[in-house]
Amino acid sequence: MLTPLVSAKGFAQRIATLEVGFPPTPSSLETPVKTSLDALTFLPDSVLTLVEVQGAKRTNIPFQIEHGTERTIHWILDPAASTTSKRTYELVKGKASRTDATMRVQDAQGSFTVMSKNKNLLRYNYKTVYPPTGIDTAYKRSGFIHPLWSPHGQELTRIQAPDHYHHYGIWNPWTHVLFEKDTVDFWNIRDRKGTVRFANAVSTTAGPVYSEYQVLQEHVAFKKGGSEKVALNELQTVRVYQPKGQDYYIADVTIDMNCASASPVLLLAYRYGGFGWRTTEKWNKDNSEVLTSEGKNRKQADGSTARWCIVQGQLDNDYAGVVMMSYPTNYNHPEPLRIWPETQNGRGDMFANFSPTKNRNWQLNPGQTYTLKYRLIVYNGHFTKEKAESGWQAFSAEPKVTVQRK
């Protein structure tokens, strides 16, 4: 623990000086930063303030403390606030500055809605949603994100499209799965071989830096004779960071999977499956585009591998999109992509999917946890490859925080 020092003004005690270094390619986007708080101090949260120091200028910075096995302090680095190659902060003991929890989760009508102040950003549906009247009820589903809204409020997701009633916004089922000598399909739910469903809410978090929900989902195999068995348990964590501007925000999705019984699960290679996004029906081949980290466009992207993928397009008189990012430790990273062709449904409807099992099997064994991490940058306007690459660099290699000891 560092020895507290009296600040020059004498109003508070400086606990530590923190320097945040930029990666070789600094991000042009706001970047989440975190470090262990317990490694700095065991003082209570209520007496702490974080201050950015730029010469003689001192600015209080909103921060949020995460309580787990140890406390972690989070804040957001805004690259537009300084042109220096590193940023300096002081953690101070004194009268804590009041910071409202502008990010929150609203629990209503069978869903968690992540909100920034009074603006909706994304909604997770835990209540089972049934298909339209007259459509096979096998298409019912819970445990998916819809809508995902752009910063300007347009819906970027779609569910239950007549061409694919089993498509549910942003969701994460596996298609070709070997479980207890049966081949199970958690994706094409009309076949009644399996499904993925919400099982339990674990937690929700509000704060000035991010809001988060954690849910437990079950990948359920439907057995012969009408019985069922949970093959996989999935802990899904969605953390959305406070947008400072009006043009983009960041959402991190973490998927922790483990076998739900003593039986292993083999995810067999198949052309799609995993983290999928059925986009707005307003996009087609003429008003939308795809660009991957390897420079592939929509015609070239399907079957290629990528660290990130931009999908963006026209929305009435506006433009919006999402950069989907894969974390370096993900299975089969850089991940194979499933991108619908420009001829899809005769008009070029859009579907994008990071599918780590597109070209190889993935064996999941009991007693182990398997983690996939994705970052979504949701925005209005156009995103360039340079901007997407800088954002991915910040995601893949978090800014390093160095503690200055005196």
Protein backbone atom coordinates (compact mmCIF):
# COMPACT_ATOMS: atom_id res chain seq x y z
CA MET A 1 0.00 0.00 0.00
CA LEU A 2 1.30 3.47 -0.88
CA THR A 3 1.95 6.08 1.77
CA PRO A 4 -0.56 8.93 1.39
CA LEU A 5 0.96 12.31 0.54
CA VAL A 6 -0.50 15.73 1.25
CA SER A 7 -1.31 17.59 -1.94
CA ALA A 8 0.18 20.99 -2.67
CA LYS A 9 -3.10 22.69 -1.83
CA GLY A 10 -3.47 20.71 1.37
CA PHE A 11 -7.13 19.96 0.80
CA ALA A 12 -6.73 16.23 0.30
CA GLN A 13 -4.29 13.39 0.50
CA ARG A 14 -2.84 11.95 -2.67
CA ILE A 15 -2.88 8.19 -2.47
CA ALA A 16 -1.28 7.36 -5.81
CA THR A 17 -0.31 8.82 -9.16
CA LEU A 18 -1.42 6.74 -12.13
CA GLU A 19 0.03 7.02 -15.61
CA VAL A 20 -1.87 5.54 -18.54
CA GLY A 21 0.18 4.71 -21.60
CA PHE A 22 -1.19 4.45 -25.12
CA PRO A 23 -0.71 1.41 -27.36
CA PRO A 24 1.60 1.77 -30.42
CA THR A 25 -1.46 2.83 -32.45
CA PRO A 26 -3.46 5.10 -30.12
CA SER A 27 -7.21 4.78 -30.37
CA SER A 28 -9.16 7.74 -31.68
CA LEU A 29 -12.12 6.48 -29.63
CA GLU A 30 -12.94 6.76 -25.97
CA THR A 31 -11.28 3.80 -24.24
CA PRO A 32 -12.28 2.01 -21.02
CA VAL A 33 -9.43 1.86 -18.48
CA LYS A 34 -9.20 -0.21 -15.30
CA THR A 35 -6.76 -1.15 -12.56
CA SER A 36 -6.82 -2.86 -9.19
CA LEU A 37 -8.00 -0.48 -6.49
CA ASP A 38 -6.99 -2.76 -3.61
CA ALA A 39 -3.41 -2.65 -4.90
CA LEU A 40 -3.53 1.11 -4.28
CA THR A 41 -5.53 1.49 -1.08
CA PHE A 42 -7.97 -0.16 1.28
CA LEU A 43 -9.73 3.12 2.03
CA PRO A 44 -13.52 2.98 1.53
CA ASP A 45 -15.00 3.96 -1.82
CA SER A 46 -16.84 6.91 -0.29
CA VAL A 47 -13.70 8.99 0.36
CA LEU A 48 -12.01 8.56 -3.03
CA THR A 49 -11.75 10.96 -5.96
CA LEU A 50 -9.99 10.49 -9.31
CA VAL A 51 -8.38 13.59 -10.79
CA GLU A 52 -6.74 14.02 -14.19
CA VAL A 53 -3.65 16.24 -14.09
CA GLN A 54 -2.60 18.26 -17.14
CA GLY A 55 0.02 20.76 -16.04
CA ALA A 56 -1.69 23.08 -13.60
CA LYS A 57 -5.13 21.92 -14.69
CA ARG A 58 -6.91 19.37 -12.49
CA THR A 59 -10.18 17.76 -13.61
CA ASN A 60 -12.36 15.36 -11.63
CA ILE A 61 -12.99 12.21 -13.66
CA PRO A 62 -16.09 10.01 -13.26
CA PHE A 63 -15.09 6.55 -12.07
CA GLN A 64 -16.78 3.37 -11.00
CA ILE A 65 -15.65 0.71 -8.55
CA GLU A 66 -16.37 -2.93 -9.29
CA HIS A 67 -16.56 -5.21 -6.26
CA GLY A 68 -15.39 -8.78 -6.77
CA THR A 69 -12.66 -10.83 -5.13
CA GLU A 70 -10.87 -7.48 -5.17
CA ARG A 71 -12.00 -3.98 -6.01
CA THR A 72 -11.33 -2.65 -9.52
CA ILE A 73 -11.56 1.01 -10.46
CA HIS A 74 -12.86 1.87 -13.95
CA TRP A 75 -12.90 5.10 -15.90
CA ILE A 76 -12.95 6.24 -19.54
CA LEU A 77 -10.02 7.82 -21.32
CA ASP A 78 -11.06 10.44 -23.86
CA PRO A 79 -8.27 10.85 -26.46
CA ALA A 80 -9.71 14.19 -27.58
CA ALA A 81 -8.98 15.71 -24.17
CA SER A 82 -5.19 15.67 -24.63
CA THR A 83 -2.54 15.31 -27.31
CA THR A 84 0.12 13.79 -25.03
CA SER A 85 1.34 10.19 -25.38
CA LYS A 86 0.40 9.39 -21.80
CA ARG A 87 -2.17 10.60 -19.30
CA THR A 88 -1.64 11.30 -15.61
CA TYR A 89 -4.22 10.82 -12.85
CA GLU A 90 -4.18 11.11 -9.08
CA LEU A 91 -6.25 9.01 -6.73
CA VAL A 92 -7.08 11.30 -3.84
CA LYS A 93 -8.54 10.88 -0.38
CA GLY A 94 -10.94 13.63 0.56
CA LYS A 95 -14.51 14.63 0.04
CA ALA A 96 -15.71 12.42 -2.78
CA SER A 97 -17.17 14.23 -5.78
CA ARG A 98 -20.81 13.43 -6.47
CA THR A 99 -21.30 11.53 -9.71
CA ASP A 100 -24.75 10.40 -10.81
CA ALA A 101 -25.30 6.86 -12.06
CA THR A 102 -26.14 7.94 -15.59
CA MET A 103 -25.95 4.34 -16.86
CA ARG A 104 -28.61 1.96 -15.60
CA VAL A 105 -30.61 -1.18 -16.36
CA GLN A 106 -34.40 -0.98 -16.41
CA ASP A 107 -36.18 -4.24 -15.61
CA ALA A 108 -39.65 -4.13 -17.17
CA GLN A 109 -41.98 -6.21 -19.35
CA GLY A 110 -39.74 -9.26 -19.43
CA SER A 111 -36.57 -7.49 -20.45
CA PHE A 112 -33.48 -5.62 -19.26
CA THR A 113 -33.04 -2.31 -21.06
CA VAL A 114 -29.63 -0.66 -20.80
CA MET A 115 -30.08 3.10 -20.71
CA SER A 116 -27.87 6.16 -20.77
CA LYS A 117 -29.83 8.76 -18.83
CA ASN A 118 -33.22 8.43 -20.58
CA LYS A 119 -31.91 7.02 -23.87
CA ASN A 120 -32.34 3.33 -24.70
CA LEU A 121 -29.19 1.60 -25.99
CA LEU A 122 -29.95 -2.12 -26.01
CA ARG A 123 -32.54 -4.54 -24.66
CA TYR A 124 -32.09 -8.12 -23.49
CA ASN A 125 -35.30 -10.19 -23.60
CA TYR A 126 -35.53 -12.76 -20.83
CA LYS A 127 -39.24 -13.46 -21.27
CA THR A 128 -40.12 -15.97 -23.97
CA VAL A 129 -41.19 -14.25 -27.18
CA TYR A 130 -43.61 -16.17 -29.40
CA PRO A 131 -43.79 -15.96 -33.19
CA PRO A 132 -46.73 -14.24 -34.94
CA THR A 133 -50.13 -15.90 -34.83
CA GLY A 134 -50.34 -18.84 -37.19
CA ILE A 135 -46.59 -19.56 -37.15
CA ASP A 136 -45.25 -22.73 -35.54
CA THR A 137 -44.69 -22.05 -31.82
CA ALA A 138 -41.45 -24.03 -32.01
CA TYR A 139 -39.98 -20.68 -33.07
CA LYS A 140 -40.46 -19.20 -29.58
CA ARG A 141 -37.27 -17.97 -27.94
CA SER A 142 -35.88 -16.11 -24.93
CA GLY A 143 -32.37 -14.87 -24.18
CA PHE A 144 -31.51 -12.45 -27.00
CA ILE A 145 -30.74 -8.78 -27.65
CA HIS A 146 -33.35 -6.75 -29.52
CA PRO A 147 -33.55 -3.93 -30.18
CA LEU A 148 -29.98 -2.73 -30.42
CA TRP A 149 -30.38 1.00 -30.96
CA SER A 150 -28.01 3.39 -32.68
CA PRO A 151 -27.04 6.52 -30.69
CA HIS A 152 -29.68 8.40 -32.69
CA GLY A 153 -32.34 5.85 -31.75
CA GLN A 154 -32.70 3.70 -34.90
CA GLU A 155 -33.17 -0.06 -34.48
CA LEU A 156 -30.24 -2.03 -35.87
CA THR A 157 -31.61 -5.52 -35.17
CA ARG A 158 -34.53 -7.58 -36.41
CA ILE A 159 -36.35 -10.65 -35.05
CA GLN A 160 -38.67 -13.26 -36.56
CA ALA A 161 -38.17 -12.22 -40.17
CA PRO A 162 -40.56 -14.25 -42.37
CA ASP A 163 -37.58 -15.74 -44.21
CA HIS A 164 -35.97 -16.88 -40.93
CA TYR A 165 -38.38 -16.88 -37.99
CA HIS A 166 -35.62 -18.29 -35.77
CA HIS A 167 -33.44 -15.18 -36.18
CA TYR A 168 -33.44 -13.14 -32.96
CA GLY A 169 -31.50 -9.89 -33.15
CA ILE A 170 -28.14 -10.67 -31.55
CA TRP A 171 -27.93 -14.19 -30.14
CA ASN A 172 -25.40 -16.99 -29.63
CA PRO A 173 -26.65 -20.53 -30.43
CA TRP A 174 -24.61 -23.41 -31.90
CA THR A 175 -25.84 -25.21 -34.98
CA HIS A 176 -24.25 -28.65 -35.30
CA VAL A 177 -23.53 -30.18 -31.88
CA LEU A 178 -22.71 -33.72 -30.78
CA PHE A 179 -24.11 -34.44 -27.31
CA GLU A 180 -24.62 -37.88 -25.80
CA LYS A 181 -24.45 -39.59 -29.22
CA ASP A 182 -27.12 -37.31 -30.69
CA THR A 183 -26.63 -34.42 -33.11
CA VAL A 184 -28.34 -31.39 -31.61
CA ASP A 185 -29.21 -28.07 -33.26
CA PHE A 186 -29.67 -25.10 -30.90
CA TRP A 187 -30.00 -22.65 -33.82
CA ASN A 188 -32.69 -24.04 -36.13
CA ILE A 189 -35.26 -24.37 -33.37
CA ARG A 190 -38.13 -25.39 -35.65
CA ASP A 191 -36.48 -28.84 -35.87
CA ARG A 192 -37.23 -29.32 -32.16
CA LYS A 193 -33.81 -30.77 -31.45
CA GLY A 194 -32.80 -28.03 -29.03
CA THR A 195 -32.98 -24.40 -28.02
CA VAL A 196 -31.27 -21.76 -25.89
CA ARG A 197 -33.31 -20.13 -23.16
CA PHE A 198 -32.97 -17.69 -20.30
CA ALA A 199 -32.57 -19.48 -16.96
CA ASN A 200 -31.84 -16.83 -14.34
CA ALA A 201 -30.81 -13.24 -13.76
CA VAL A 202 -27.50 -13.04 -11.94
CA SER A 203 -26.98 -9.30 -11.47
CA THR A 204 -27.51 -5.80 -12.83
CA THR A 205 -25.20 -2.82 -12.32
CA ALA A 206 -25.66 0.92 -12.64
CA GLY A 207 -23.03 3.65 -12.49
CA PRO A 208 -21.42 6.71 -14.07
CA VAL A 209 -19.01 4.72 -16.29
CA TYR A 210 -20.92 1.61 -17.33
CA SER A 211 -24.07 -0.41 -16.83
CA GLU A 212 -24.14 -4.18 -16.96
CA TYR A 213 -26.35 -7.22 -16.72
CA GLN A 214 -25.37 -10.84 -16.15
CA VAL A 215 -27.69 -13.69 -17.06
CA LEU A 216 -27.55 -17.47 -17.06
CA GLN A 217 -28.70 -19.19 -20.25
CA GLU A 218 -29.21 -22.88 -20.91
CA HIS A 219 -28.47 -24.73 -24.14
CA VAL A 220 -31.14 -27.42 -23.94
CA ALA A 221 -31.14 -30.69 -25.91
CA PHE A 222 -34.55 -32.18 -26.65
CA LYS A 223 -34.35 -35.95 -26.23
CA LYS A 224 -36.34 -38.70 -27.89
CA GLY A 225 -39.50 -39.45 -25.97
CA GLY A 226 -40.11 -35.84 -25.00
CA SER A 227 -37.50 -35.39 -22.25
CA GLU A 228 -34.86 -32.71 -22.26
CA LYS A 229 -31.39 -32.17 -20.84
CA VAL A 230 -29.22 -29.08 -20.44
CA ALA A 231 -26.02 -29.59 -22.39
CA LEU A 232 -24.33 -26.24 -21.76
CA ASN A 233 -24.64 -23.50 -19.18
CA GLU A 234 -23.79 -20.03 -20.42
CA LEU A 235 -23.06 -16.99 -18.28
CA GLN A 236 -23.53 -13.97 -20.50
CA THR A 237 -22.26 -10.59 -19.35
CA VAL A 238 -23.12 -7.45 -21.31
CA ARG A 239 -21.41 -4.23 -20.23
CA VAL A 240 -22.27 -0.94 -21.94
CA TYR A 241 -20.07 2.09 -21.39
CA GLN A 242 -21.31 5.63 -20.93
CA PRO A 243 -21.19 7.50 -24.24
CA LYS A 244 -19.74 10.99 -23.84
CA GLY A 245 -20.74 12.14 -27.28
CA GLN A 246 -23.77 11.54 -29.47
CA ASP A 247 -22.26 9.40 -32.23
CA TYR A 248 -21.13 6.07 -30.73
CA TYR A 249 -21.03 3.83 -27.68
CA ILE A 250 -19.23 0.62 -26.68
CA ALA A 251 -20.87 -2.65 -25.61
CA ASP A 252 -18.77 -5.61 -24.43
CA VAL A 253 -20.27 -9.10 -24.55
CA THR A 254 -18.59 -11.91 -22.59
CA ILE A 255 -19.82 -15.49 -22.99
CA ASP A 256 -18.63 -18.08 -20.42
CA MET A 257 -19.68 -21.64 -21.27
CA ASN A 258 -19.33 -24.90 -19.38
CA CYS A 259 -20.76 -28.38 -19.66
CA ALA A 260 -23.93 -28.76 -17.58
CA SER A 261 -23.35 -32.45 -16.85
CA ALA A 262 -20.61 -35.08 -16.92
CA SER A 263 -21.13 -35.38 -20.69
CA PRO A 264 -18.77 -33.49 -23.02
CA VAL A 265 -20.11 -31.31 -25.83
CA LEU A 266 -18.55 -31.30 -29.29
CA LEU A 267 -19.33 -28.24 -31.41
CA LEU A 268 -18.99 -29.61 -34.92
CA ALA A 269 -17.72 -27.56 -37.83
CA TYR A 270 -20.60 -25.93 -39.69
CA ARG A 271 -20.97 -22.94 -41.99
CA TYR A 272 -22.66 -20.77 -39.36
CA GLY A 273 -23.23 -20.71 -35.60
CA GLY A 274 -22.15 -18.67 -32.59
CA PHE A 275 -22.34 -14.90 -32.23
CA GLY A 276 -24.87 -13.76 -34.83
CA TRP A 277 -26.55 -10.48 -35.77
CA ARG A 278 -29.66 -10.20 -37.97
CA THR A 279 -29.64 -6.59 -39.00
CA THR A 280 -32.40 -4.09 -39.65
CA GLU A 281 -34.72 -4.85 -42.55
CA LYS A 282 -33.95 -1.39 -43.95
CA TRP A 283 -30.56 -2.59 -45.21
CA ASN A 284 -30.01 -4.24 -48.59
CA LYS A 285 -27.20 -4.67 -51.12
CA ASP A 286 -27.69 -1.14 -52.45
CA ASN A 287 -27.62 0.87 -49.24
CA SER A 288 -25.25 -1.05 -46.93
CA GLU A 289 -21.68 -2.29 -46.90
CA VAL A 290 -19.25 -4.66 -45.20
CA LEU A 291 -15.54 -4.16 -44.52
CA THR A 292 -13.31 -6.53 -42.56
CA SER A 293 -9.95 -6.10 -40.85
CA GLU A 294 -8.38 -7.95 -43.79
CA GLY A 295 -9.87 -5.55 -46.33
CA LYS A 296 -12.68 -7.83 -47.52
CA ASN A 297 -15.95 -6.35 -48.74
CA ARG A 298 -19.37 -8.03 -48.69
CA LYS A 299 -18.69 -10.09 -51.82
CA GLN A 300 -15.43 -11.41 -50.34
CA ALA A 301 -16.08 -11.58 -46.58
CA ASP A 302 -18.01 -14.86 -46.21
CA GLY A 303 -15.65 -17.62 -45.14
CA SER A 304 -12.76 -15.25 -44.55
CA THR A 305 -11.26 -14.66 -41.10
CA ALA A 306 -11.19 -11.31 -39.33
CA ARG A 307 -10.35 -9.49 -36.13
CA TRP A 308 -13.15 -7.03 -36.75
CA CYS A 309 -15.96 -6.47 -39.22
CA ILE A 310 -17.81 -3.25 -40.06
CA VAL A 311 -21.45 -3.54 -41.12
CA GLN A 312 -23.06 -0.18 -41.86
CA GLY A 313 -25.73 1.37 -44.01
CA GLN A 314 -28.35 3.98 -44.78
CA LEU A 315 -31.23 4.48 -42.34
CA ASP A 316 -33.76 6.90 -43.80
CA ASN A 317 -31.86 10.19 -43.89
CA ASP A 318 -29.15 8.95 -41.55
CA TYR A 319 -26.31 6.41 -41.58
CA ALA A 320 -25.38 3.93 -38.85
CA GLY A 321 -23.61 0.68 -38.15
CA VAL A 322 -21.73 -1.62 -35.82
CA VAL A 323 -18.12 -2.74 -35.66
CA MET A 324 -18.07 -6.34 -34.41
CA MET A 325 -14.74 -7.15 -32.73
CA SER A 326 -13.29 -10.53 -31.74
CA TYR A 327 -10.91 -10.79 -28.77
CA PRO A 328 -7.49 -12.39 -29.42
CA THR A 329 -8.03 -15.24 -26.93
CA ASN A 330 -11.28 -16.36 -28.58
CA TYR A 331 -11.30 -19.86 -30.00
CA ASN A 332 -10.07 -19.94 -33.62
CA HIS A 333 -9.18 -16.22 -33.64
CA PRO A 334 -9.08 -14.42 -36.03
CA GLU A 335 -12.57 -15.80 -36.40
CA PRO A 336 -14.27 -17.07 -39.54
CA LEU A 337 -17.18 -14.96 -40.76
CA ARG A 338 -20.58 -15.87 -42.12
CA ILE A 339 -21.84 -12.94 -44.22
CA TRP A 340 -24.95 -13.34 -46.33
CA PRO A 341 -24.43 -12.84 -50.09
CA GLU A 342 -25.77 -9.83 -51.95
CA THR A 343 -28.44 -12.05 -53.53
CA GLN A 344 -29.98 -13.03 -50.17
CA ASN A 345 -33.81 -13.00 -50.34
CA GLY A 346 -33.55 -11.30 -53.73
CA ARG A 347 -32.64 -7.92 -52.22
CA GLY A 348 -29.47 -8.52 -50.26
CA ASP A 349 -30.74 -8.69 -46.68
CA MET A 350 -27.92 -8.54 -44.15
CA PHE A 351 -26.78 -11.11 -41.61
CA ALA A 352 -23.33 -11.14 -39.97
CA ASN A 353 -21.85 -13.86 -37.78
CA PHE A 354 -18.54 -14.54 -36.03
CA SER A 355 -18.49 -18.34 -36.24
CA PRO A 356 -15.42 -19.90 -34.58
CA THR A 357 -16.62 -23.39 -35.57
CA LYS A 358 -17.16 -22.56 -39.25
CA ASN A 359 -14.06 -24.52 -40.27
CA ARG A 360 -13.07 -26.63 -37.25
CA ASN A 361 -14.58 -28.57 -34.35
CA TRP A 362 -14.48 -27.32 -30.76
CA GLN A 363 -14.41 -29.86 -27.93
CA LEU A 364 -15.92 -28.66 -24.63
CA ASN A 365 -15.06 -30.88 -21.65
CA PRO A 366 -16.72 -31.02 -18.21
CA GLY A 367 -15.03 -29.06 -15.45
CA GLN A 368 -13.67 -26.32 -17.73
CA THR A 369 -14.95 -22.87 -18.67
CA TYR A 370 -14.70 -21.63 -22.25
CA THR A 371 -14.85 -17.89 -22.85
CA LEU A 372 -15.64 -15.77 -25.89
CA LYS A 373 -15.35 -11.98 -25.79
CA TYR A 374 -16.76 -9.53 -28.30
CA ARG A 375 -16.88 -5.75 -28.45
CA LEU A 376 -19.53 -3.85 -30.36
CA ILE A 377 -18.96 -0.24 -31.32
CA VAL A 378 -22.42 1.06 -32.18
CA TYR A 379 -22.48 4.34 -34.06
CA ASN A 380 -24.10 6.84 -36.37
CA GLY A 381 -22.18 8.10 -39.38
CA HIS A 382 -19.50 6.23 -41.34
CA PHE A 383 -16.67 4.20 -39.82
CA THR A 384 -13.35 3.93 -41.60
CA LYS A 385 -10.93 1.00 -41.48
CA GLU A 386 -8.43 3.20 -39.60
CA LYS A 387 -10.96 4.06 -36.91
CA ALA A 388 -12.05 0.43 -36.56
CA GLU A 389 -8.45 -0.76 -36.33
CA SER A 390 -7.58 1.75 -33.62
CA GLY A 391 -10.66 0.68 -31.68
CA TRP A 392 -9.70 -2.98 -31.96
CA GLN A 393 -6.15 -2.25 -30.79
CA ALA A 394 -7.57 -0.64 -27.64
CA PHE A 395 -9.87 -3.66 -27.13
CA SER A 396 -7.18 -6.29 -27.67
CA ALA A 397 -4.49 -4.59 -25.58
CA GLU A 398 -5.98 -2.54 -22.77
CA PRO A 399 -4.13 0.67 -21.88
CA LYS A 400 -1.38 -0.02 -19.36
CA VAL A 401 -1.71 1.69 -15.99
CA THR A 402 1.57 2.39 -14.18
CA VAL A 403 1.59 3.40 -10.50
CA GLN A 404 4.09 6.08 -9.61
CA ARG A 405 5.60 5.47 -6.18
CA LYS A 406 7.27 8.29 -4.31
